[in-house]
Amino acid sequence: MEKKLSFDLLFCSFFFAFLLVSWPAMSQEVENQREFDYNTNGTRGPAHWGDLRPEWHNCNTGRMQSPIDLLNQRVRIVSHFTDFQIDYRSSNATLKNRGHDMMLQWSGAAGHMEVNRSRYFLRQIHWHSPSEHTLNGKRFALEAHLVHQSQTGNIAVIGILYNIGQPDYFLSTMRQHFVEISATQRDKLLNMVNPSLLKMRSSLYYRYIGSLTVPPCSQNVLWTIVRKVRTVAPEQVNLLRVAVHDDSNTNARPLQPLNNRNVQLRIKASIEGAE
């Protein structure tokens, strides 16, 4: 019995080690974002991202780039679907200043989203101000991006838009951490951050195929934009920008051409697991 137990433990150890080694590298946003900026008149601004590194060429030449304007006339309505599920849970995380944004990166199993039976595991959340996506030409005060990755390396992002209004509860729970990182500029380890505290329940959301909105601007990213606009207090938006300590008052990429892509407005009773 003891030999069998030892064998089982050894097998499990090798199995989990294999998973860690075999997990594909993510074509993710650049970790140190000080290599580029958002100055539209400068040589490192959005129009020149594709020139700064060969592997960033999609930023200039890609035809499925994000963000886009979610215009009513372009949208195809899809109803009565059951292909989208969310299951988030608390996990340890690290708050990082990447040079142009604040990123909260989960280090453990923070849950997943499931689309058409494909699971995308939650990796991190970061914020853009003002919003990058627009609704019928309207830009909002803030946009949160929840970045997910499948075991095959595919990327899916959920976007949440915010208008100025009442404070956002999740950002309220993070306030002191933002204040501390603003003063120290060091990564901060956090215990058991619950992504379910993000309020994103909605009966409508947009779906399209796009890209990362920062270099390397990787394409074939599955975007889900929650249609219900949340609220955020002005001081919460300001704190996100102050904590970064960059020279810009924005970290929003300009809108990109749609190039005949299909944009869907999907109708559902709710987004499970979000509240």
C-alpha atoms as a PDB file:
ATOM      1  CA  MET A   1       0.000   0.000   0.000  1.00  0.00           C
ATOM      2  CA  GLU A   2       2.837   2.395   0.897  1.00  0.00           C
ATOM      3  CA  LYS A   3       4.642   1.585  -2.368  1.00  0.00           C
ATOM      4  CA  LYS A   4       1.478   2.299  -4.363  1.00  0.00           C
ATOM      5  CA  LEU A   5       0.960   5.600  -2.533  1.00  0.00           C
ATOM      6  CA  SER A   6       4.568   6.615  -3.196  1.00  0.00           C
ATOM      7  CA  PHE A   7       4.168   5.736  -6.857  1.00  0.00           C
ATOM      8  CA  ASP A   8       0.965   7.770  -7.115  1.00  0.00           C
ATOM      9  CA  LEU A   9       2.610  10.787  -5.508  1.00  0.00           C
ATOM     10  CA  LEU A  10       5.626  10.476  -7.811  1.00  0.00           C
ATOM     11  CA  PHE A  11       3.354  10.207 -10.862  1.00  0.00           C
ATOM     12  CA  CYS A  12       1.379  13.293  -9.808  1.00  0.00           C
ATOM     13  CA  SER A  13       4.587  15.257  -9.302  1.00  0.00           C
ATOM     14  CA  PHE A  14       5.839  14.383 -12.774  1.00  0.00           C
ATOM     15  CA  PHE A  15       2.403  15.110 -14.280  1.00  0.00           C
ATOM     16  CA  PHE A  16       2.146  18.603 -12.836  1.00  0.00           C
ATOM     17  CA  ALA A  17       5.769  19.317 -13.728  1.00  0.00           C
ATOM     18  CA  PHE A  18       4.940  18.282 -17.297  1.00  0.00           C
ATOM     19  CA  LEU A  19       1.990  20.660 -17.363  1.00  0.00           C
ATOM     20  CA  LEU A  20       4.159  23.560 -16.238  1.00  0.00           C
ATOM     21  CA  VAL A  21       6.818  22.846 -18.855  1.00  0.00           C
ATOM     22  CA  SER A  22       4.402  22.094 -21.683  1.00  0.00           C
ATOM     23  CA  TRP A  23       2.114  25.115 -21.139  1.00  0.00           C
ATOM     24  CA  PRO A  24       2.570  27.182 -24.324  1.00  0.00           C
ATOM     25  CA  ALA A  25       4.259  30.562 -24.274  1.00  0.00           C
ATOM     26  CA  MET A  26       1.664  33.311 -24.501  1.00  0.00           C
ATOM     27  CA  SER A  27       1.962  35.909 -27.231  1.00  0.00           C
ATOM     28  CA  GLN A  28       1.123  38.358 -24.515  1.00  0.00           C
ATOM     29  CA  GLU A  29       1.479  42.092 -24.061  1.00  0.00           C
ATOM     30  CA  VAL A  30       5.013  43.350 -23.555  1.00  0.00           C
ATOM     31  CA  GLU A  31       5.864  43.061 -19.871  1.00  0.00           C
ATOM     32  CA  ASN A  32       7.900  46.287 -19.768  1.00  0.00           C
ATOM     33  CA  GLN A  33       5.802  48.855 -21.580  1.00  0.00           C
ATOM     34  CA  ARG A  34       8.416  51.613 -21.304  1.00  0.00           C
ATOM     35  CA  GLU A  35       9.653  50.590 -24.757  1.00  0.00           C
ATOM     36  CA  PHE A  36       6.749  52.410 -26.412  1.00  0.00           C
ATOM     37  CA  ASP A  37       4.349  55.234 -25.578  1.00  0.00           C
ATOM     38  CA  TYR A  38       1.046  56.855 -26.538  1.00  0.00           C
ATOM     39  CA  ASN A  39       2.398  60.166 -27.832  1.00  0.00           C
ATOM     40  CA  THR A  40       0.732  60.525 -31.237  1.00  0.00           C
ATOM     41  CA  ASN A  41       3.385  63.036 -32.315  1.00  0.00           C
ATOM     42  CA  GLY A  42       6.409  61.048 -31.126  1.00  0.00           C
ATOM     43  CA  THR A  43       8.560  58.342 -32.710  1.00  0.00           C
ATOM     44  CA  ARG A  44       7.427  55.687 -30.216  1.00  0.00           C
ATOM     45  CA  GLY A  45       3.707  56.452 -30.473  1.00  0.00           C
ATOM     46  CA  PRO A  46       0.950  54.104 -31.752  1.00  0.00           C
ATOM     47  CA  ALA A  47       1.558  54.900 -35.434  1.00  0.00           C
ATOM     48  CA  HIS A  48       5.176  53.697 -35.074  1.00  0.00           C
ATOM     49  CA  TRP A  49       4.810  50.647 -32.801  1.00  0.00           C
ATOM     50  CA  GLY A  50       5.262  48.288 -35.740  1.00  0.00           C
ATOM     51  CA  ASP A  51       8.592  49.924 -36.611  1.00  0.00           C
ATOM     52  CA  LEU A  52      10.158  49.595 -33.165  1.00  0.00           C
ATOM     53  CA  ARG A  53      10.687  45.816 -33.335  1.00  0.00           C
ATOM     54  CA  PRO A  54      10.332  43.309 -36.213  1.00  0.00           C
ATOM     55  CA  GLU A  55       8.080  41.095 -34.070  1.00  0.00           C
ATOM     56  CA  TRP A  56       5.708  44.027 -33.582  1.00  0.00           C
ATOM     57  CA  HIS A  57       4.912  44.319 -37.303  1.00  0.00           C
ATOM     58  CA  ASN A  58       1.228  43.463 -36.760  1.00  0.00           C
ATOM     59  CA  CYS A  59       0.779  46.829 -35.051  1.00  0.00           C
ATOM     60  CA  ASN A  60       1.225  48.453 -38.490  1.00  0.00           C
ATOM     61  CA  THR A  61       0.240  45.755 -40.991  1.00  0.00           C
ATOM     62  CA  GLY A  62      -2.350  43.588 -39.226  1.00  0.00           C
ATOM     63  CA  ARG A  63      -5.897  43.677 -40.591  1.00  0.00           C
ATOM     64  CA  MET A  64      -7.607  42.363 -37.443  1.00  0.00           C
ATOM     65  CA  GLN A  65      -6.467  44.990 -34.979  1.00  0.00           C
ATOM     66  CA  SER A  66      -8.118  46.303 -31.811  1.00  0.00           C
ATOM     67  CA  PRO A  67      -9.737  48.427 -30.491  1.00  0.00           C
ATOM     68  CA  ILE A  68     -12.683  49.174 -32.775  1.00  0.00           C
ATOM     69  CA  ASP A  69     -15.856  51.245 -32.683  1.00  0.00           C
ATOM     70  CA  LEU A  70     -18.828  49.009 -31.904  1.00  0.00           C
ATOM     71  CA  LEU A  71     -21.293  50.716 -34.217  1.00  0.00           C
ATOM     72  CA  ASN A  72     -24.922  49.571 -34.244  1.00  0.00           C
ATOM     73  CA  GLN A  73     -25.088  49.455 -38.046  1.00  0.00           C
ATOM     74  CA  ARG A  74     -22.167  46.992 -38.166  1.00  0.00           C
ATOM     75  CA  VAL A  75     -23.479  44.585 -35.542  1.00  0.00           C
ATOM     76  CA  ARG A  76     -25.302  41.316 -36.177  1.00  0.00           C
ATOM     77  CA  ILE A  77     -27.644  40.283 -33.360  1.00  0.00           C
ATOM     78  CA  VAL A  78     -27.369  36.683 -32.115  1.00  0.00           C
ATOM     79  CA  SER A  79     -29.872  35.405 -29.517  1.00  0.00           C
ATOM     80  CA  HIS A  80     -30.649  32.204 -27.595  1.00  0.00           C
ATOM     81  CA  PHE A  81     -27.071  31.016 -27.192  1.00  0.00           C
ATOM     82  CA  THR A  82     -25.382  29.031 -24.414  1.00  0.00           C
ATOM     83  CA  ASP A  83     -21.722  29.165 -25.420  1.00  0.00           C
ATOM     84  CA  PHE A  84     -20.344  31.498 -22.728  1.00  0.00           C
ATOM     85  CA  GLN A  85     -19.675  30.593 -19.094  1.00  0.00           C
ATOM     86  CA  ILE A  86     -17.456  32.113 -16.384  1.00  0.00           C
ATOM     87  CA  ASP A  87     -16.108  30.413 -13.281  1.00  0.00           C
ATOM     88  CA  TYR A  88     -13.755  32.650 -11.272  1.00  0.00           C
ATOM     89  CA  ARG A  89     -12.272  32.062  -7.810  1.00  0.00           C
ATOM     90  CA  SER A  90      -9.932  33.771  -5.359  1.00  0.00           C
ATOM     91  CA  SER A  91      -6.201  33.337  -5.869  1.00  0.00           C
ATOM     92  CA  ASN A  92      -2.930  35.040  -4.967  1.00  0.00           C
ATOM     93  CA  ALA A  93      -1.903  37.869  -7.293  1.00  0.00           C
ATOM     94  CA  THR A  94       0.817  40.449  -7.932  1.00  0.00           C
ATOM     95  CA  LEU A  95       0.153  44.120  -8.684  1.00  0.00           C
ATOM     96  CA  LYS A  96       2.631  45.444 -11.246  1.00  0.00           C
ATOM     97  CA  ASN A  97       3.445  48.809 -12.807  1.00  0.00           C
ATOM     98  CA  ARG A  98       4.255  48.056 -16.460  1.00  0.00           C
ATOM     99  CA  GLY A  99       5.175  51.587 -17.444  1.00  0.00           C
ATOM    100  CA  HIS A 100       1.881  52.647 -19.064  1.00  0.00           C
ATOM    101  CA  ASP A 101      -0.669  50.663 -17.062  1.00  0.00           C
ATOM    102  CA  MET A 102      -1.308  48.874 -13.797  1.00  0.00           C
ATOM    103  CA  MET A 103      -1.642  45.096 -14.097  1.00  0.00           C
ATOM    104  CA  LEU A 104      -2.944  42.625 -11.547  1.00  0.00           C
ATOM    105  CA  GLN A 105      -1.520  39.200 -12.404  1.00  0.00           C
ATOM    106  CA  TRP A 106      -2.917  36.069 -10.774  1.00  0.00           C
ATOM    107  CA  SER A 107      -0.298  33.476  -9.854  1.00  0.00           C
ATOM    108  CA  GLY A 108      -2.622  30.551  -9.213  1.00  0.00           C
ATOM    109  CA  ALA A 109      -5.893  29.061 -10.395  1.00  0.00           C
ATOM    110  CA  ALA A 110      -8.145  32.118 -10.603  1.00  0.00           C
ATOM    111  CA  GLY A 111     -10.709  30.332 -12.748  1.00  0.00           C
ATOM    112  CA  HIS A 112     -11.644  30.468 -16.392  1.00  0.00           C
ATOM    113  CA  MET A 113     -14.086  31.498 -19.074  1.00  0.00           C
ATOM    114  CA  GLU A 114     -15.506  28.884 -21.430  1.00  0.00           C
ATOM    115  CA  VAL A 115     -16.525  29.606 -25.022  1.00  0.00           C
ATOM    116  CA  ASN A 116     -17.791  26.854 -27.318  1.00  0.00           C
ATOM    117  CA  ARG A 117     -16.340  24.230 -24.941  1.00  0.00           C
ATOM    118  CA  SER A 118     -12.888  25.836 -25.046  1.00  0.00           C
ATOM    119  CA  ARG A 119     -11.495  26.964 -21.696  1.00  0.00           C
ATOM    120  CA  TYR A 120      -9.478  30.141 -21.347  1.00  0.00           C
ATOM    121  CA  PHE A 121      -7.793  30.547 -17.950  1.00  0.00           C
ATOM    122  CA  LEU A 122      -7.721  33.967 -16.301  1.00  0.00           C
ATOM    123  CA  ARG A 123      -4.187  35.374 -16.199  1.00  0.00           C
ATOM    124  CA  GLN A 124      -4.406  39.117 -15.486  1.00  0.00           C
ATOM    125  CA  ILE A 125      -6.411  42.321 -15.542  1.00  0.00           C
ATOM    126  CA  HIS A 126      -5.245  45.802 -16.504  1.00  0.00           C
ATOM    127  CA  TRP A 127      -6.895  49.161 -17.171  1.00  0.00           C
ATOM    128  CA  HIS A 128      -6.936  51.761 -19.973  1.00  0.00           C
ATOM    129  CA  SER A 129      -8.110  55.360 -19.607  1.00  0.00           C
ATOM    130  CA  PRO A 130      -9.992  56.601 -21.453  1.00  0.00           C
ATOM    131  CA  SER A 131     -11.613  53.475 -22.894  1.00  0.00           C
ATOM    132  CA  GLU A 132     -10.088  51.954 -26.015  1.00  0.00           C
ATOM    133  CA  HIS A 133     -13.286  50.531 -27.515  1.00  0.00           C
ATOM    134  CA  THR A 134     -16.120  52.946 -28.263  1.00  0.00           C
ATOM    135  CA  LEU A 135     -19.878  52.393 -28.559  1.00  0.00           C
ATOM    136  CA  ASN A 136     -21.377  54.234 -31.531  1.00  0.00           C
ATOM    137  CA  GLY A 137     -18.443  56.645 -31.421  1.00  0.00           C
ATOM    138  CA  LYS A 138     -18.705  57.307 -27.683  1.00  0.00           C
ATOM    139  CA  ARG A 139     -15.559  56.913 -25.598  1.00  0.00           C
ATOM    140  CA  PHE A 140     -15.795  56.144 -21.872  1.00  0.00           C
ATOM    141  CA  ALA A 141     -13.708  57.066 -18.832  1.00  0.00           C
ATOM    142  CA  LEU A 142     -12.117  53.651 -18.293  1.00  0.00           C
ATOM    143  CA  GLU A 143     -11.849  50.156 -19.734  1.00  0.00           C
ATOM    144  CA  ALA A 144     -10.757  47.006 -17.914  1.00  0.00           C
ATOM    145  CA  HIS A 145      -9.264  44.061 -19.811  1.00  0.00           C
ATOM    146  CA  LEU A 146      -9.387  40.571 -18.304  1.00  0.00           C
ATOM    147  CA  VAL A 147      -6.855  38.529 -20.254  1.00  0.00           C
ATOM    148  CA  HIS A 148      -7.294  34.759 -20.545  1.00  0.00           C
ATOM    149  CA  GLN A 149      -5.222  32.013 -22.191  1.00  0.00           C
ATOM    150  CA  SER A 150      -6.104  28.502 -23.291  1.00  0.00           C
ATOM    151  CA  GLN A 151      -3.756  25.545 -22.908  1.00  0.00           C
ATOM    152  CA  THR A 152      -3.069  25.780 -26.644  1.00  0.00           C
ATOM    153  CA  GLY A 153      -1.938  29.401 -26.297  1.00  0.00           C
ATOM    154  CA  ASN A 154      -5.038  31.127 -27.675  1.00  0.00           C
ATOM    155  CA  ILE A 155      -6.013  34.431 -26.066  1.00  0.00           C
ATOM    156  CA  ALA A 156      -9.456  35.705 -25.047  1.00  0.00           C
ATOM    157  CA  VAL A 157     -10.120  39.089 -23.455  1.00  0.00           C
ATOM    158  CA  ILE A 158     -13.204  40.381 -21.657  1.00  0.00           C
ATOM    159  CA  GLY A 159     -13.572  44.171 -21.801  1.00  0.00           C
ATOM    160  CA  ILE A 160     -15.590  46.194 -19.274  1.00  0.00           C
ATOM    161  CA  LEU A 161     -16.451  49.852 -19.931  1.00  0.00           C
ATOM    162  CA  TYR A 162     -16.941  52.494 -17.226  1.00  0.00           C
ATOM    163  CA  ASN A 163     -18.627  55.888 -17.094  1.00  0.00           C
ATOM    164  CA  ILE A 164     -17.912  58.458 -14.387  1.00  0.00           C
ATOM    165  CA  GLY A 165     -20.305  57.928 -11.479  1.00  0.00           C
ATOM    166  CA  GLN A 166     -20.358  55.870  -8.298  1.00  0.00           C
ATOM    167  CA  PRO A 167     -17.075  54.213  -7.207  1.00  0.00           C
ATOM    168  CA  ASP A 168     -16.326  50.776  -8.609  1.00  0.00           C
ATOM    169  CA  TYR A 169     -16.348  48.201  -5.808  1.00  0.00           C
ATOM    170  CA  PHE A 170     -13.400  46.119  -7.043  1.00  0.00           C
ATOM    171  CA  LEU A 171     -11.183  49.187  -7.463  1.00  0.00           C
ATOM    172  CA  SER A 172     -12.264  50.346  -3.992  1.00  0.00           C
ATOM    173  CA  THR A 173     -10.898  47.112  -2.516  1.00  0.00           C
ATOM    174  CA  MET A 174      -7.609  47.764  -4.352  1.00  0.00           C
ATOM    175  CA  ARG A 175      -7.227  51.445  -3.441  1.00  0.00           C
ATOM    176  CA  GLN A 176      -4.572  51.120  -0.736  1.00  0.00           C
ATOM    177  CA  HIS A 177      -2.498  48.816  -2.915  1.00  0.00           C
ATOM    178  CA  PHE A 178      -2.516  51.387  -5.732  1.00  0.00           C
ATOM    179  CA  VAL A 179      -1.469  54.084  -3.270  1.00  0.00           C
ATOM    180  CA  GLU A 180       1.422  51.956  -2.008  1.00  0.00           C
ATOM    181  CA  ILE A 181       2.710  51.005  -5.443  1.00  0.00           C
ATOM    182  CA  SER A 182       2.464  54.662  -6.484  1.00  0.00           C
ATOM    183  CA  ALA A 183       4.878  55.559  -3.684  1.00  0.00           C
ATOM    184  CA  THR A 184       7.301  52.637  -4.023  1.00  0.00           C
ATOM    185  CA  GLN A 185       7.055  51.725  -7.744  1.00  0.00           C
ATOM    186  CA  ARG A 186       7.655  48.108  -6.707  1.00  0.00           C
ATOM    187  CA  ASP A 187       5.594  45.013  -7.435  1.00  0.00           C
ATOM    188  CA  LYS A 188       3.228  44.164  -4.601  1.00  0.00           C
ATOM    189  CA  LEU A 189       2.208  40.627  -3.659  1.00  0.00           C
ATOM    190  CA  LEU A 190      -1.458  40.302  -2.702  1.00  0.00           C
ATOM    191  CA  ASN A 191      -3.268  37.477  -0.937  1.00  0.00           C
ATOM    192  CA  MET A 192      -6.396  35.913  -2.410  1.00  0.00           C
ATOM    193  CA  VAL A 193      -7.832  38.468  -4.816  1.00  0.00           C
ATOM    194  CA  ASN A 194     -11.307  37.486  -6.003  1.00  0.00           C
ATOM    195  CA  PRO A 195     -11.978  38.368  -9.686  1.00  0.00           C
ATOM    196  CA  SER A 196     -15.673  37.616  -9.127  1.00  0.00           C
ATOM    197  CA  LEU A 197     -15.868  40.988  -7.357  1.00  0.00           C
ATOM    198  CA  LEU A 198     -15.735  42.595 -10.807  1.00  0.00           C
ATOM    199  CA  LYS A 199     -19.322  43.497 -11.617  1.00  0.00           C
ATOM    200  CA  MET A 200     -19.956  42.543 -15.224  1.00  0.00           C
ATOM    201  CA  ARG A 201     -23.320  40.816 -15.316  1.00  0.00           C
ATOM    202  CA  SER A 202     -25.191  41.787 -18.466  1.00  0.00           C
ATOM    203  CA  SER A 203     -27.787  40.455 -20.867  1.00  0.00           C
ATOM    204  CA  LEU A 204     -25.824  41.780 -23.859  1.00  0.00           C
ATOM    205  CA  TYR A 205     -22.234  41.567 -24.971  1.00  0.00           C
ATOM    206  CA  TYR A 206     -20.267  42.112 -28.161  1.00  0.00           C
ATOM    207  CA  ARG A 207     -18.083  39.415 -29.731  1.00  0.00           C
ATOM    208  CA  TYR A 208     -15.451  39.811 -32.437  1.00  0.00           C
ATOM    209  CA  ILE A 209     -11.959  38.667 -33.425  1.00  0.00           C
ATOM    210  CA  GLY A 210      -9.238  41.266 -32.936  1.00  0.00           C
ATOM    211  CA  SER A 211      -5.801  41.733 -31.432  1.00  0.00           C
ATOM    212  CA  LEU A 212      -3.909  42.778 -28.344  1.00  0.00           C
ATOM    213  CA  THR A 213      -4.108  46.571 -28.055  1.00  0.00           C
ATOM    214  CA  VAL A 214      -0.416  46.944 -27.151  1.00  0.00           C
ATOM    215  CA  PRO A 215       2.702  45.463 -28.790  1.00  0.00           C
ATOM    216  CA  PRO A 216       3.170  42.882 -30.160  1.00  0.00           C
ATOM    217  CA  CYS A 217      -0.463  43.466 -31.303  1.00  0.00           C
ATOM    218  CA  SER A 218      -0.936  39.695 -31.752  1.00  0.00           C
ATOM    219  CA  GLN A 219      -4.065  38.835 -33.743  1.00  0.00           C
ATOM    220  CA  ASN A 220      -6.809  36.191 -33.520  1.00  0.00           C
ATOM    221  CA  VAL A 221      -7.722  37.374 -30.027  1.00  0.00           C
ATOM    222  CA  LEU A 222     -11.305  36.515 -29.034  1.00  0.00           C
ATOM    223  CA  TRP A 223     -12.880  39.714 -27.691  1.00  0.00           C
ATOM    224  CA  THR A 224     -15.977  39.856 -25.483  1.00  0.00           C
ATOM    225  CA  ILE A 225     -17.109  43.382 -24.588  1.00  0.00           C
ATOM    226  CA  VAL A 226     -19.766  43.618 -21.881  1.00  0.00           C
ATOM    227  CA  ARG A 227     -22.532  45.907 -23.169  1.00  0.00           C
ATOM    228  CA  LYS A 228     -23.658  47.141 -19.752  1.00  0.00           C
ATOM    229  CA  VAL A 229     -21.504  50.137 -18.861  1.00  0.00           C
ATOM    230  CA  ARG A 230     -20.385  50.231 -15.225  1.00  0.00           C
ATOM    231  CA  THR A 231     -19.436  53.303 -13.156  1.00  0.00           C
ATOM    232  CA  VAL A 232     -16.154  54.476 -11.669  1.00  0.00           C
ATOM    233  CA  ALA A 233     -15.294  57.480  -9.504  1.00  0.00           C
ATOM    234  CA  PRO A 234     -12.997  60.193 -10.971  1.00  0.00           C
ATOM    235  CA  GLU A 235     -10.437  59.670  -8.187  1.00  0.00           C
ATOM    236  CA  GLN A 236     -10.242  55.960  -9.043  1.00  0.00           C
ATOM    237  CA  VAL A 237      -9.366  56.738 -12.663  1.00  0.00           C
ATOM    238  CA  ASN A 238      -6.855  59.359 -11.521  1.00  0.00           C
ATOM    239  CA  LEU A 239      -5.201  56.949  -9.101  1.00  0.00           C
ATOM    240  CA  LEU A 240      -4.697  54.369 -11.848  1.00  0.00           C
ATOM    241  CA  ARG A 241      -2.874  56.990 -13.917  1.00  0.00           C
ATOM    242  CA  VAL A 242      -0.888  58.493 -11.003  1.00  0.00           C
ATOM    243  CA  ALA A 243       0.298  55.066  -9.880  1.00  0.00           C
ATOM    244  CA  VAL A 244       1.918  54.469 -13.288  1.00  0.00           C
ATOM    245  CA  HIS A 245       4.183  57.550 -13.203  1.00  0.00           C
ATOM    246  CA  ASP A 246       4.424  57.928 -16.989  1.00  0.00           C
ATOM    247  CA  ASP A 247       4.434  61.157 -19.005  1.00  0.00           C
ATOM    248  CA  SER A 248       1.082  60.610 -20.688  1.00  0.00           C
ATOM    249  CA  ASN A 249      -2.471  61.384 -19.646  1.00  0.00           C
ATOM    250  CA  THR A 250      -3.756  58.411 -21.652  1.00  0.00           C
ATOM    251  CA  ASN A 251      -2.918  54.800 -22.374  1.00  0.00           C
ATOM    252  CA  ALA A 252      -5.631  54.173 -24.960  1.00  0.00           C
ATOM    253  CA  ARG A 253      -4.677  53.027 -28.452  1.00  0.00           C
ATOM    254  CA  PRO A 254      -6.515  54.842 -31.288  1.00  0.00           C
ATOM    255  CA  LEU A 255      -9.384  53.044 -33.022  1.00  0.00           C
ATOM    256  CA  GLN A 256      -8.424  50.569 -35.748  1.00  0.00           C
ATOM    257  CA  PRO A 257     -10.182  49.807 -39.073  1.00  0.00           C
ATOM    258  CA  LEU A 258     -12.830  47.090 -38.952  1.00  0.00           C
ATOM    259  CA  ASN A 259     -11.802  45.668 -42.367  1.00  0.00           C
ATOM    260  CA  ASN A 260     -15.093  43.806 -42.912  1.00  0.00           C
ATOM    261  CA  ARG A 261     -14.856  41.771 -39.730  1.00  0.00           C
ATOM    262  CA  ASN A 262     -17.964  40.218 -38.238  1.00  0.00           C
ATOM    263  CA  VAL A 263     -19.159  41.867 -35.003  1.00  0.00           C
ATOM    264  CA  GLN A 264     -21.936  40.183 -33.053  1.00  0.00           C
ATOM    265  CA  LEU A 265     -24.195  41.479 -30.317  1.00  0.00           C
ATOM    266  CA  ARG A 266     -25.079  38.424 -28.285  1.00  0.00           C
ATOM    267  CA  ILE A 267     -28.169  38.289 -26.089  1.00  0.00           C
ATOM    268  CA  LYS A 268     -28.234  36.223 -22.931  1.00  0.00           C
ATOM    269  CA  ALA A 269     -30.027  36.192 -19.589  1.00  0.00           C
ATOM    270  CA  SER A 270     -26.764  36.807 -17.671  1.00  0.00           C
ATOM    271  CA  ILE A 271     -23.035  36.242 -17.530  1.00  0.00           C
ATOM    272  CA  GLU A 272     -22.665  33.500 -14.933  1.00  0.00           C
ATOM    273  CA  GLY A 273     -20.253  33.736 -12.044  1.00  0.00           C
ATOM    274  CA  ALA A 274     -19.738  37.479 -12.339  1.00  0.00           C
ATOM    275  CA  GLU A 275     -21.681  38.711  -9.324  1.00  0.00           C
END
